[in-house]
Amino acid sequence: MKLFHVDASAKREWSNSRALSRHFIDLLKAHKPELEVDYLDVSVDTPAHVDELFTIATYTPEAQRTPAMQQALEASDALCARLLAADAYVFAMPMYNFSMPSSFKAFIDNIVRTNLTYKIGEDGSYVGKMADKALFITTRGADLRPGKPLGGMDALTPALRAAFGFLGVAAPTFVDAQPLTFSAAEEREAALVRAKTELAAIAGRWVGT
């Protein structure tokens, strides 16, 4: 199995989402030492934000693209190739202001590509080309679980479901560690224990398939 692993936290080694994603990868490797991991840290290697040339180039037929257009799409083309070469995905990120880090949004904008990561059928339907095995590990400072005071403020989960569902991930798995920053030490520890327990169960399912 080839895994594409993406981290997005700006906190680097202080990051809970990074620690949890490493923990999950270690669980997988304990059972599958041959696991191949393609790693990308978008907080370091941040994909370029979409600009005018990129937008025009994506909607220009490939045979008609100028050298400048081809250059504008080169990094995005490479990202799409890495994405499509994987059998499974682990995307780890903190919640920033109720949604995703801007670096990860830039990643999404670079991988949603017509005739690469999704196709448009003759009937006008959209068909995503990604594999359907995807895990999203998110960390949240506050508690946004249903029934909590901020339970309706989660803009991250629906945004990820929409973007990656469009690309073919029909049934993503989410592990959300919360509350962390804005909580007592006991609550933080309990949140991380819950997340690790969920990750262990998911790792068991993945290595069994």
N, C-alpha and C. Protein backbone atom coordinates (compact mmCIF):
# COMPACT_ATOMS: atom_id res chain seq x y z
N MET A 1 0.84 -1.19 0.00
CA MET A 1 0.00 0.00 0.00
C MET A 1 0.88 1.25 0.00
N LYS A 2 0.53 2.20 -0.84
CA LYS A 2 1.23 3.48 -0.87
C LYS A 2 0.33 4.54 -0.25
N LEU A 3 0.89 5.24 0.72
CA LEU A 3 0.13 6.22 1.49
C LEU A 3 0.64 7.62 1.21
N PHE A 4 -0.27 8.55 0.97
CA PHE A 4 0.09 9.97 0.84
C PHE A 4 -0.28 10.64 2.15
N HIS A 5 0.72 11.15 2.85
CA HIS A 5 0.55 11.74 4.18
C HIS A 5 0.85 13.23 4.11
N VAL A 6 -0.14 14.05 4.49
CA VAL A 6 0.01 15.50 4.44
C VAL A 6 -0.22 16.09 5.83
N ASP A 7 0.75 16.86 6.31
CA ASP A 7 0.60 17.64 7.55
C ASP A 7 0.43 19.11 7.20
N ALA A 8 -0.34 19.83 8.04
CA ALA A 8 -0.61 21.23 7.71
C ALA A 8 -0.44 22.19 8.89
N SER A 9 -0.04 21.69 10.05
CA SER A 9 0.06 22.58 11.21
C SER A 9 1.28 23.47 11.13
N ALA A 10 1.08 24.75 11.45
CA ALA A 10 2.20 25.69 11.48
C ALA A 10 3.04 25.55 12.76
N LYS A 11 2.58 24.76 13.71
CA LYS A 11 3.27 24.64 14.99
C LYS A 11 4.44 23.66 14.96
N ARG A 12 4.62 22.99 13.85
CA ARG A 12 5.72 22.06 13.67
C ARG A 12 5.76 21.03 14.81
N GLU A 13 6.85 20.95 15.55
CA GLU A 13 7.01 19.90 16.55
C GLU A 13 6.16 20.10 17.80
N TRP A 14 5.51 21.25 17.92
CA TRP A 14 4.60 21.47 19.03
C TRP A 14 3.18 21.05 18.67
N SER A 15 3.01 20.50 17.50
CA SER A 15 1.68 20.25 16.95
C SER A 15 1.08 18.92 17.41
N ASN A 16 -0.14 18.99 17.90
CA ASN A 16 -0.86 17.77 18.26
C ASN A 16 -1.30 16.99 17.03
N SER A 17 -1.70 17.68 15.97
CA SER A 17 -2.15 16.96 14.77
C SER A 17 -1.00 16.20 14.13
N ARG A 18 0.20 16.78 14.15
CA ARG A 18 1.37 16.08 13.62
C ARG A 18 1.69 14.84 14.48
N ALA A 19 1.62 15.01 15.79
CA ALA A 19 1.92 13.89 16.67
C ALA A 19 0.93 12.75 16.46
N LEU A 20 -0.34 13.09 16.28
CA LEU A 20 -1.35 12.05 16.07
C LEU A 20 -1.17 11.38 14.71
N SER A 21 -0.82 12.15 13.68
CA SER A 21 -0.63 11.52 12.37
C SER A 21 0.59 10.62 12.37
N ARG A 22 1.67 11.02 13.06
CA ARG A 22 2.85 10.16 13.19
C ARG A 22 2.50 8.88 13.95
N HIS A 23 1.69 9.04 15.00
CA HIS A 23 1.26 7.88 15.78
C HIS A 23 0.50 6.88 14.90
N PHE A 24 -0.37 7.40 14.05
CA PHE A 24 -1.13 6.51 13.17
C PHE A 24 -0.23 5.82 12.16
N ILE A 25 0.70 6.55 11.57
CA ILE A 25 1.63 5.95 10.61
C ILE A 25 2.46 4.86 11.30
N ASP A 26 2.90 5.13 12.53
CA ASP A 26 3.68 4.13 13.26
C ASP A 26 2.85 2.86 13.51
N LEU A 27 1.57 3.04 13.81
CA LEU A 27 0.70 1.87 14.01
C LEU A 27 0.61 1.04 12.73
N LEU A 28 0.47 1.72 11.61
CA LEU A 28 0.40 1.01 10.33
C LEU A 28 1.70 0.27 10.04
N LYS A 29 2.82 0.96 10.24
CA LYS A 29 4.11 0.36 9.91
C LYS A 29 4.44 -0.82 10.82
N ALA A 30 3.89 -0.82 12.03
CA ALA A 30 4.14 -1.94 12.93
C ALA A 30 3.58 -3.24 12.35
N HIS A 31 2.52 -3.11 11.56
CA HIS A 31 1.90 -4.29 10.94
C HIS A 31 2.29 -4.44 9.47
N LYS A 32 2.64 -3.31 8.83
CA LYS A 32 3.02 -3.33 7.41
C LYS A 32 4.35 -2.61 7.25
N PRO A 33 5.46 -3.24 7.59
CA PRO A 33 6.77 -2.58 7.47
C PRO A 33 7.07 -2.13 6.05
N GLU A 34 6.44 -2.77 5.09
CA GLU A 34 6.68 -2.42 3.69
C GLU A 34 5.89 -1.21 3.23
N LEU A 35 5.09 -0.63 4.13
CA LEU A 35 4.27 0.53 3.78
C LEU A 35 5.12 1.64 3.16
N GLU A 36 4.70 2.13 2.02
CA GLU A 36 5.40 3.23 1.35
C GLU A 36 4.66 4.53 1.65
N VAL A 37 5.38 5.52 2.18
CA VAL A 37 4.75 6.79 2.56
C VAL A 37 5.35 7.93 1.76
N ASP A 38 4.49 8.65 1.07
CA ASP A 38 4.87 9.88 0.37
C ASP A 38 4.42 11.03 1.28
N TYR A 39 5.38 11.79 1.80
CA TYR A 39 5.08 12.80 2.82
C TYR A 39 5.17 14.21 2.26
N LEU A 40 4.21 15.05 2.64
CA LEU A 40 4.22 16.46 2.26
C LEU A 40 3.83 17.29 3.47
N ASP A 41 4.64 18.29 3.77
CA ASP A 41 4.34 19.25 4.84
C ASP A 41 3.98 20.57 4.17
N VAL A 42 2.68 20.87 4.09
CA VAL A 42 2.27 22.07 3.35
C VAL A 42 2.54 23.35 4.12
N SER A 43 2.91 23.26 5.40
CA SER A 43 3.31 24.48 6.11
C SER A 43 4.72 24.92 5.71
N VAL A 44 5.49 23.97 5.16
CA VAL A 44 6.84 24.26 4.67
C VAL A 44 6.84 24.42 3.15
N ASP A 45 6.30 23.42 2.47
CA ASP A 45 6.20 23.45 1.01
C ASP A 45 4.75 23.80 0.65
N THR A 46 4.41 25.05 0.84
CA THR A 46 3.03 25.49 0.62
C THR A 46 2.77 25.67 -0.87
N PRO A 47 1.77 25.00 -1.41
CA PRO A 47 1.44 25.19 -2.83
C PRO A 47 1.09 26.66 -3.09
N ALA A 48 1.41 27.12 -4.27
CA ALA A 48 1.11 28.51 -4.62
C ALA A 48 -0.39 28.75 -4.61
N HIS A 49 -0.77 29.91 -4.14
CA HIS A 49 -2.19 30.26 -4.18
C HIS A 49 -2.60 30.54 -5.62
N VAL A 50 -3.85 30.26 -5.90
CA VAL A 50 -4.35 30.43 -7.27
C VAL A 50 -4.26 31.89 -7.70
N ASP A 51 -3.75 32.10 -8.92
CA ASP A 51 -3.71 33.45 -9.48
C ASP A 51 -4.37 33.43 -10.86
N GLU A 52 -4.34 34.55 -11.54
CA GLU A 52 -5.05 34.67 -12.82
C GLU A 52 -4.53 33.68 -13.86
N LEU A 53 -3.20 33.59 -13.98
CA LEU A 53 -2.63 32.72 -15.01
C LEU A 53 -2.98 31.25 -14.74
N PHE A 54 -2.90 30.85 -13.48
CA PHE A 54 -3.25 29.48 -13.12
C PHE A 54 -4.69 29.19 -13.52
N THR A 55 -5.59 30.09 -13.18
CA THR A 55 -7.02 29.88 -13.47
C THR A 55 -7.27 29.77 -14.97
N ILE A 56 -6.68 30.66 -15.74
CA ILE A 56 -6.85 30.62 -17.20
C ILE A 56 -6.27 29.33 -17.76
N ALA A 57 -5.09 28.94 -17.26
CA ALA A 57 -4.42 27.75 -17.78
C ALA A 57 -5.23 26.49 -17.53
N THR A 58 -5.87 26.38 -16.37
CA THR A 58 -6.61 25.15 -16.05
C THR A 58 -7.79 24.95 -16.99
N TYR A 59 -8.34 26.03 -17.50
CA TYR A 59 -9.50 25.91 -18.38
C TYR A 59 -9.15 26.05 -19.86
N THR A 60 -7.85 26.03 -20.14
CA THR A 60 -7.39 26.04 -21.53
C THR A 60 -7.03 24.62 -21.92
N PRO A 61 -7.54 24.11 -23.05
CA PRO A 61 -7.17 22.75 -23.48
C PRO A 61 -5.66 22.57 -23.48
N GLU A 62 -5.22 21.40 -23.06
CA GLU A 62 -3.79 21.16 -22.87
C GLU A 62 -2.98 21.48 -24.11
N ALA A 63 -3.48 21.14 -25.28
CA ALA A 63 -2.74 21.37 -26.53
C ALA A 63 -2.60 22.85 -26.86
N GLN A 64 -3.43 23.68 -26.24
CA GLN A 64 -3.42 25.10 -26.55
C GLN A 64 -2.72 25.95 -25.49
N ARG A 65 -2.16 25.32 -24.49
CA ARG A 65 -1.52 26.08 -23.42
C ARG A 65 -0.17 26.62 -23.86
N THR A 66 0.08 27.85 -23.50
CA THR A 66 1.36 28.48 -23.80
C THR A 66 2.42 27.95 -22.84
N PRO A 67 3.69 28.17 -23.14
CA PRO A 67 4.75 27.77 -22.19
C PRO A 67 4.54 28.37 -20.81
N ALA A 68 4.06 29.60 -20.75
CA ALA A 68 3.82 30.23 -19.44
C ALA A 68 2.70 29.53 -18.69
N MET A 69 1.67 29.12 -19.40
CA MET A 69 0.57 28.37 -18.78
C MET A 69 1.06 27.02 -18.27
N GLN A 70 1.87 26.35 -19.08
CA GLN A 70 2.40 25.05 -18.67
C GLN A 70 3.24 25.19 -17.41
N GLN A 71 4.02 26.25 -17.34
CA GLN A 71 4.85 26.48 -16.17
C GLN A 71 3.99 26.78 -14.94
N ALA A 72 2.91 27.53 -15.15
CA ALA A 72 2.01 27.87 -14.04
C ALA A 72 1.35 26.64 -13.44
N LEU A 73 1.17 25.59 -14.25
CA LEU A 73 0.50 24.37 -13.80
C LEU A 73 1.46 23.26 -13.40
N GLU A 74 2.74 23.48 -13.58
CA GLU A 74 3.72 22.40 -13.39
C GLU A 74 3.68 21.83 -11.97
N ALA A 75 3.69 22.69 -10.96
CA ALA A 75 3.69 22.19 -9.58
C ALA A 75 2.37 21.50 -9.25
N SER A 76 1.27 22.05 -9.74
CA SER A 76 -0.04 21.43 -9.53
C SER A 76 -0.12 20.07 -10.21
N ASP A 77 0.41 19.97 -11.43
CA ASP A 77 0.44 18.69 -12.13
C ASP A 77 1.18 17.63 -11.31
N ALA A 78 2.30 18.04 -10.72
CA ALA A 78 3.11 17.11 -9.93
C ALA A 78 2.36 16.67 -8.68
N LEU A 79 1.66 17.60 -8.03
CA LEU A 79 0.86 17.26 -6.85
C LEU A 79 -0.24 16.27 -7.20
N CYS A 80 -0.91 16.51 -8.31
CA CYS A 80 -1.99 15.62 -8.74
C CYS A 80 -1.45 14.23 -9.02
N ALA A 81 -0.28 14.15 -9.62
CA ALA A 81 0.33 12.84 -9.91
C ALA A 81 0.62 12.09 -8.61
N ARG A 82 1.13 12.80 -7.61
CA ARG A 82 1.40 12.16 -6.32
C ARG A 82 0.10 11.68 -5.68
N LEU A 83 -0.92 12.48 -5.77
CA LEU A 83 -2.21 12.14 -5.19
C LEU A 83 -2.78 10.87 -5.83
N LEU A 84 -2.74 10.82 -7.14
CA LEU A 84 -3.34 9.70 -7.86
C LEU A 84 -2.50 8.43 -7.79
N ALA A 85 -1.24 8.56 -7.40
CA ALA A 85 -0.38 7.38 -7.27
C ALA A 85 -0.59 6.66 -5.95
N ALA A 86 -1.33 7.28 -5.02
CA ALA A 86 -1.52 6.71 -3.69
C ALA A 86 -2.75 5.82 -3.63
N ASP A 87 -2.68 4.85 -2.71
CA ASP A 87 -3.81 3.96 -2.46
C ASP A 87 -4.65 4.43 -1.27
N ALA A 88 -4.06 5.28 -0.43
CA ALA A 88 -4.75 5.76 0.77
C ALA A 88 -4.13 7.11 1.16
N TYR A 89 -4.85 7.84 2.01
CA TYR A 89 -4.44 9.20 2.35
C TYR A 89 -4.62 9.44 3.85
N VAL A 90 -3.66 10.19 4.41
CA VAL A 90 -3.80 10.71 5.78
C VAL A 90 -3.55 12.21 5.70
N PHE A 91 -4.56 12.98 6.05
CA PHE A 91 -4.46 14.43 6.05
C PHE A 91 -4.63 14.91 7.49
N ALA A 92 -3.62 15.58 8.02
CA ALA A 92 -3.66 16.02 9.42
C ALA A 92 -3.55 17.53 9.50
N MET A 93 -4.41 18.12 10.31
CA MET A 93 -4.41 19.59 10.40
C MET A 93 -5.12 20.06 11.65
N PRO A 94 -4.73 21.25 12.14
CA PRO A 94 -5.50 21.89 13.20
C PRO A 94 -6.66 22.67 12.59
N MET A 95 -7.63 22.98 13.41
CA MET A 95 -8.68 23.90 12.98
C MET A 95 -8.21 25.31 13.30
N TYR A 96 -8.20 26.16 12.29
CA TYR A 96 -7.88 27.58 12.49
C TYR A 96 -9.14 28.40 12.24
N ASN A 97 -9.60 29.08 13.27
CA ASN A 97 -10.77 29.95 13.13
C ASN A 97 -11.93 29.24 12.46
N PHE A 98 -12.20 28.02 12.96
CA PHE A 98 -13.34 27.19 12.58
C PHE A 98 -13.20 26.50 11.23
N SER A 99 -12.07 26.68 10.54
CA SER A 99 -11.88 26.01 9.25
C SER A 99 -10.45 25.51 9.13
N MET A 100 -9.98 25.32 7.91
CA MET A 100 -8.66 24.72 7.68
C MET A 100 -7.57 25.78 7.57
N PRO A 101 -6.30 25.41 7.80
CA PRO A 101 -5.19 26.32 7.54
C PRO A 101 -5.18 26.74 6.07
N SER A 102 -4.76 27.97 5.81
CA SER A 102 -4.75 28.46 4.43
C SER A 102 -3.80 27.64 3.56
N SER A 103 -2.76 27.06 4.15
CA SER A 103 -1.83 26.23 3.38
C SER A 103 -2.53 25.00 2.84
N PHE A 104 -3.46 24.43 3.63
CA PHE A 104 -4.17 23.25 3.16
C PHE A 104 -5.23 23.63 2.13
N LYS A 105 -5.82 24.81 2.28
CA LYS A 105 -6.76 25.27 1.26
C LYS A 105 -6.03 25.46 -0.07
N ALA A 106 -4.79 25.97 -0.02
CA ALA A 106 -4.00 26.11 -1.24
C ALA A 106 -3.72 24.74 -1.85
N PHE A 107 -3.48 23.75 -1.01
CA PHE A 107 -3.29 22.37 -1.48
C PHE A 107 -4.53 21.90 -2.23
N ILE A 108 -5.70 22.09 -1.64
CA ILE A 108 -6.94 21.69 -2.29
C ILE A 108 -7.10 22.40 -3.64
N ASP A 109 -6.83 23.70 -3.66
CA ASP A 109 -7.00 24.45 -4.91
C ASP A 109 -6.06 23.97 -6.00
N ASN A 110 -4.94 23.35 -5.61
CA ASN A 110 -3.99 22.84 -6.59
C ASN A 110 -4.30 21.42 -7.05
N ILE A 111 -5.16 20.70 -6.32
CA ILE A 111 -5.42 19.32 -6.71
C ILE A 111 -6.81 19.11 -7.31
N VAL A 112 -7.66 20.12 -7.28
CA VAL A 112 -8.98 19.99 -7.93
C VAL A 112 -8.79 20.42 -9.38
N ARG A 113 -8.51 19.44 -10.23
CA ARG A 113 -8.12 19.72 -11.60
C ARG A 113 -8.94 18.88 -12.59
N THR A 114 -9.63 19.60 -13.48
CA THR A 114 -10.41 18.95 -14.53
C THR A 114 -9.50 18.06 -15.39
N ASN A 115 -9.98 16.86 -15.68
CA ASN A 115 -9.30 15.87 -16.52
C ASN A 115 -8.02 15.32 -15.88
N LEU A 116 -7.79 15.67 -14.62
CA LEU A 116 -6.69 15.05 -13.88
C LEU A 116 -7.24 14.31 -12.66
N THR A 117 -7.77 15.07 -11.71
CA THR A 117 -8.29 14.44 -10.49
C THR A 117 -9.80 14.24 -10.54
N TYR A 118 -10.44 14.80 -11.54
CA TYR A 118 -11.85 14.47 -11.79
C TYR A 118 -12.15 14.61 -13.27
N LYS A 119 -13.13 13.86 -13.72
CA LYS A 119 -13.53 13.87 -15.12
C LYS A 119 -15.00 14.33 -15.21
N ILE A 120 -15.32 14.92 -16.33
CA ILE A 120 -16.71 15.28 -16.61
C ILE A 120 -17.22 14.35 -17.68
N GLY A 121 -18.25 13.57 -17.33
CA GLY A 121 -18.81 12.61 -18.27
C GLY A 121 -19.63 13.28 -19.37
N GLU A 122 -19.94 12.52 -20.39
CA GLU A 122 -20.74 13.05 -21.49
C GLU A 122 -22.12 13.51 -21.03
N ASP A 123 -22.59 12.91 -19.94
CA ASP A 123 -23.90 13.30 -19.41
C ASP A 123 -23.80 14.46 -18.43
N GLY A 124 -22.60 15.03 -18.30
CA GLY A 124 -22.41 16.17 -17.39
C GLY A 124 -22.09 15.78 -15.97
N SER A 125 -21.97 14.50 -15.68
CA SER A 125 -21.68 14.05 -14.33
C SER A 125 -20.19 14.24 -14.02
N TYR A 126 -19.87 14.32 -12.74
CA TYR A 126 -18.49 14.49 -12.29
C TYR A 126 -18.03 13.20 -11.62
N VAL A 127 -16.86 12.74 -12.01
CA VAL A 127 -16.31 11.49 -11.46
C VAL A 127 -14.93 11.78 -10.90
N GLY A 128 -14.78 11.64 -9.58
CA GLY A 128 -13.49 11.84 -8.94
C GLY A 128 -12.57 10.67 -9.16
N LYS A 129 -11.26 10.94 -9.19
CA LYS A 129 -10.28 9.90 -9.50
C LYS A 129 -9.45 9.45 -8.29
N MET A 130 -9.68 10.05 -7.12
CA MET A 130 -8.92 9.65 -5.95
C MET A 130 -9.38 8.29 -5.44
N ALA A 131 -8.49 7.60 -4.72
CA ALA A 131 -8.88 6.40 -4.00
C ALA A 131 -9.82 6.80 -2.86
N ASP A 132 -10.62 5.84 -2.39
CA ASP A 132 -11.66 6.17 -1.41
C ASP A 132 -11.22 5.93 0.03
N LYS A 133 -9.96 5.62 0.27
CA LYS A 133 -9.49 5.36 1.63
C LYS A 133 -8.76 6.60 2.13
N ALA A 134 -9.46 7.42 2.92
CA ALA A 134 -8.88 8.68 3.38
C ALA A 134 -9.22 8.90 4.85
N LEU A 135 -8.22 9.31 5.62
CA LEU A 135 -8.37 9.64 7.02
C LEU A 135 -8.01 11.10 7.24
N PHE A 136 -8.90 11.84 7.87
CA PHE A 136 -8.64 13.22 8.26
C PHE A 136 -8.47 13.27 9.77
N ILE A 137 -7.30 13.70 10.22
CA ILE A 137 -7.02 13.87 11.64
C ILE A 137 -7.02 15.37 11.92
N THR A 138 -7.96 15.83 12.72
CA THR A 138 -8.04 17.25 13.02
C THR A 138 -7.95 17.49 14.52
N THR A 139 -7.39 18.63 14.87
CA THR A 139 -7.32 19.04 16.27
C THR A 139 -8.03 20.38 16.41
N ARG A 140 -8.77 20.51 17.51
CA ARG A 140 -9.56 21.72 17.72
C ARG A 140 -9.30 22.24 19.13
N GLY A 141 -9.09 23.55 19.23
CA GLY A 141 -8.83 24.14 20.54
C GLY A 141 -10.02 24.05 21.46
N ALA A 142 -11.21 24.27 20.91
CA ALA A 142 -12.45 24.21 21.67
C ALA A 142 -13.18 22.91 21.36
N ASP A 143 -14.29 22.70 22.04
CA ASP A 143 -15.09 21.49 21.85
C ASP A 143 -16.25 21.81 20.92
N LEU A 144 -16.18 21.31 19.69
CA LEU A 144 -17.21 21.58 18.69
C LEU A 144 -18.08 20.37 18.41
N ARG A 145 -18.11 19.43 19.34
CA ARG A 145 -18.96 18.27 19.15
C ARG A 145 -20.44 18.66 19.25
N PRO A 146 -21.32 17.91 18.58
CA PRO A 146 -22.75 18.22 18.64
C PRO A 146 -23.24 18.31 20.08
N GLY A 147 -24.06 19.32 20.32
CA GLY A 147 -24.61 19.50 21.66
C GLY A 147 -23.79 20.44 22.53
N LYS A 148 -22.57 20.76 22.11
CA LYS A 148 -21.74 21.70 22.85
C LYS A 148 -22.07 23.13 22.41
N PRO A 149 -21.73 24.15 23.22
CA PRO A 149 -22.06 25.54 22.87
C PRO A 149 -21.55 25.96 21.49
N LEU A 150 -20.40 25.44 21.07
CA LEU A 150 -19.85 25.79 19.75
C LEU A 150 -20.08 24.68 18.72
N GLY A 151 -21.01 23.81 19.00
CA GLY A 151 -21.24 22.66 18.13
C GLY A 151 -21.64 23.00 16.71
N GLY A 152 -22.19 24.18 16.48
CA GLY A 152 -22.59 24.57 15.14
C GLY A 152 -21.55 25.37 14.38
N MET A 153 -20.35 25.49 14.95
CA MET A 153 -19.33 26.37 14.36
C MET A 153 -18.28 25.61 13.53
N ASP A 154 -18.45 24.33 13.34
CA ASP A 154 -17.47 23.53 12.61
C ASP A 154 -17.66 23.71 11.11
N ALA A 155 -16.83 24.57 10.52
CA ALA A 155 -16.85 24.74 9.06
C ALA A 155 -15.80 23.86 8.39
N LEU A 156 -14.95 23.22 9.18
CA LEU A 156 -13.86 22.40 8.63
C LEU A 156 -14.37 21.08 8.05
N THR A 157 -15.13 20.34 8.83
CA THR A 157 -15.58 19.02 8.39
C THR A 157 -16.39 19.07 7.10
N PRO A 158 -17.42 19.92 7.00
CA PRO A 158 -18.17 19.95 5.74
C PRO A 158 -17.34 20.39 4.55
N ALA A 159 -16.38 21.30 4.77
CA ALA A 159 -15.53 21.75 3.66
C ALA A 159 -14.66 20.60 3.14
N LEU A 160 -14.11 19.81 4.05
CA LEU A 160 -13.29 18.68 3.64
C LEU A 160 -14.12 17.60 2.97
N ARG A 161 -15.29 17.33 3.52
CA ARG A 161 -16.18 16.33 2.91
C ARG A 161 -16.55 16.74 1.48
N ALA A 162 -16.86 18.01 1.29
CA ALA A 162 -17.29 18.48 -0.03
C ALA A 162 -16.16 18.39 -1.05
N ALA A 163 -15.00 18.94 -0.71
CA ALA A 163 -13.88 18.98 -1.66
C ALA A 163 -13.41 17.58 -2.03
N PHE A 164 -13.21 16.72 -1.03
CA PHE A 164 -12.68 15.40 -1.33
C PHE A 164 -13.75 14.43 -1.80
N GLY A 165 -14.99 14.68 -1.42
CA GLY A 165 -16.08 13.89 -1.99
C GLY A 165 -16.18 14.12 -3.49
N PHE A 166 -15.99 15.36 -3.90
CA PHE A 166 -16.00 15.70 -5.32
C PHE A 166 -14.89 14.96 -6.07
N LEU A 167 -13.77 14.71 -5.38
CA LEU A 167 -12.62 14.05 -6.00
C LEU A 167 -12.67 12.53 -5.88
N GLY A 168 -13.75 12.00 -5.30
CA GLY A 168 -13.91 10.56 -5.27
C GLY A 168 -13.87 9.90 -3.92
N VAL A 169 -13.62 10.68 -2.86
CA VAL A 169 -13.58 10.10 -1.51
C VAL A 169 -14.99 10.12 -0.94
N ALA A 170 -15.72 9.05 -1.19
CA ALA A 170 -17.15 9.01 -0.82
C ALA A 170 -17.36 8.81 0.67
N ALA A 171 -16.43 8.11 1.32
CA ALA A 171 -16.64 7.77 2.73
C ALA A 171 -15.37 8.05 3.54
N PRO A 172 -15.01 9.31 3.74
CA PRO A 172 -13.82 9.62 4.52
C PRO A 172 -14.02 9.29 5.99
N THR A 173 -12.91 9.07 6.68
CA THR A 173 -12.93 8.83 8.13
C THR A 173 -12.34 10.05 8.82
N PHE A 174 -12.99 10.46 9.90
CA PHE A 174 -12.53 11.62 10.67
C PHE A 174 -12.20 11.22 12.10
N VAL A 175 -11.06 11.69 12.59
CA VAL A 175 -10.73 11.62 14.00
C VAL A 175 -10.45 13.04 14.44
N ASP A 176 -11.28 13.55 15.34
CA ASP A 176 -11.19 14.95 15.77
C ASP A 176 -10.83 15.00 17.25
N ALA A 177 -9.63 15.48 17.56
CA ALA A 177 -9.19 15.62 18.94
C ALA A 177 -9.65 16.97 19.47
N GLN A 178 -10.54 16.94 20.45
CA GLN A 178 -11.12 18.17 20.99
C GLN A 178 -11.75 17.89 22.36
N PRO A 179 -11.70 18.91 23.25
CA PRO A 179 -11.05 20.22 23.18
C PRO A 179 -9.60 20.12 23.62
N LEU A 180 -8.75 20.99 23.07
CA LEU A 180 -7.34 20.97 23.44
C LEU A 180 -6.89 22.29 24.07
N THR A 181 -6.67 23.31 23.27
CA THR A 181 -6.08 24.56 23.78
C THR A 181 -6.94 25.21 24.86
N PHE A 182 -8.24 25.31 24.63
CA PHE A 182 -9.11 26.05 25.53
C PHE A 182 -9.83 25.10 26.48
N SER A 183 -9.04 24.35 27.25
CA SER A 183 -9.62 23.37 28.15
C SER A 183 -8.65 23.08 29.28
N ALA A 184 -9.16 22.42 30.31
CA ALA A 184 -8.30 22.01 31.42
C ALA A 184 -7.41 20.86 30.98
N ALA A 185 -6.33 20.66 31.72
CA ALA A 185 -5.35 19.62 31.37
C ALA A 185 -6.00 18.25 31.29
N GLU A 186 -6.92 17.97 32.19
CA GLU A 186 -7.59 16.66 32.18
C GLU A 186 -8.41 16.46 30.91
N GLU A 187 -9.07 17.53 30.46
CA GLU A 187 -9.86 17.44 29.23
C GLU A 187 -8.97 17.24 28.01
N ARG A 188 -7.84 17.94 27.99
CA ARG A 188 -6.90 17.79 26.87
C ARG A 188 -6.40 16.37 26.80
N GLU A 189 -6.00 15.82 27.94
CA GLU A 189 -5.47 14.46 27.96
C GLU A 189 -6.53 13.46 27.52
N ALA A 190 -7.76 13.66 27.98
CA ALA A 190 -8.85 12.77 27.59
C ALA A 190 -9.11 12.83 26.10
N ALA A 191 -9.03 14.04 25.53
CA ALA A 191 -9.26 14.21 24.09
C ALA A 191 -8.21 13.46 23.28
N LEU A 192 -6.95 13.54 23.71
CA LEU A 192 -5.88 12.86 22.98
C LEU A 192 -5.98 11.34 23.15
N VAL A 193 -6.40 10.89 24.32
CA VAL A 193 -6.59 9.44 24.52
C VAL A 193 -7.71 8.93 23.62
N ARG A 194 -8.82 9.69 23.54
CA ARG A 194 -9.92 9.29 22.67
C ARG A 194 -9.45 9.18 21.22
N ALA A 195 -8.68 10.19 20.79
CA ALA A 195 -8.20 10.20 19.41
C ALA A 195 -7.30 9.00 19.13
N LYS A 196 -6.38 8.69 20.05
CA LYS A 196 -5.47 7.56 19.84
C LYS A 196 -6.22 6.23 19.84
N THR A 197 -7.26 6.14 20.65
CA THR A 197 -8.07 4.92 20.65
C THR A 197 -8.77 4.74 19.30
N GLU A 198 -9.32 5.83 18.77
CA GLU A 198 -9.97 5.78 17.46
C GLU A 198 -8.97 5.44 16.37
N LEU A 199 -7.78 6.02 16.46
CA LEU A 199 -6.76 5.77 15.43
C LEU A 199 -6.31 4.31 15.46
N ALA A 200 -6.20 3.73 16.64
CA ALA A 200 -5.81 2.33 16.74
C ALA A 200 -6.83 1.43 16.06
N ALA A 201 -8.11 1.75 16.24
CA ALA A 201 -9.17 0.96 15.60
C ALA A 201 -9.12 1.09 14.09
N ILE A 202 -8.88 2.30 13.62
CA ILE A 202 -8.81 2.53 12.17
C ILE A 202 -7.60 1.83 11.57
N ALA A 203 -6.46 1.90 12.26
CA ALA A 203 -5.24 1.23 11.78
C ALA A 203 -5.50 -0.27 11.67
N GLY A 204 -6.21 -0.83 12.64
CA GLY A 204 -6.52 -2.25 12.57
C GLY A 204 -7.34 -2.61 11.37
N ARG A 205 -8.29 -1.75 11.02
CA ARG A 205 -9.12 -2.00 9.82
C ARG A 205 -8.29 -1.86 8.57
N TRP A 206 -7.41 -0.86 8.52
CA TRP A 206 -6.61 -0.63 7.31
C TRP A 206 -5.63 -1.76 7.06
N VAL A 207 -4.99 -2.26 8.08
CA VAL A 207 -4.00 -3.32 7.85
C VAL A 207 -4.69 -4.64 7.53
N GLY A 208 -5.97 -4.73 7.83
CA GLY A 208 -6.69 -5.95 7.54
C GLY A 208 -7.27 -6.01 6.15
N THR A 209 -7.11 -4.92 5.37
CA THR A 209 -7.66 -4.87 4.02
C THR A 209 -6.56 -4.85 2.99
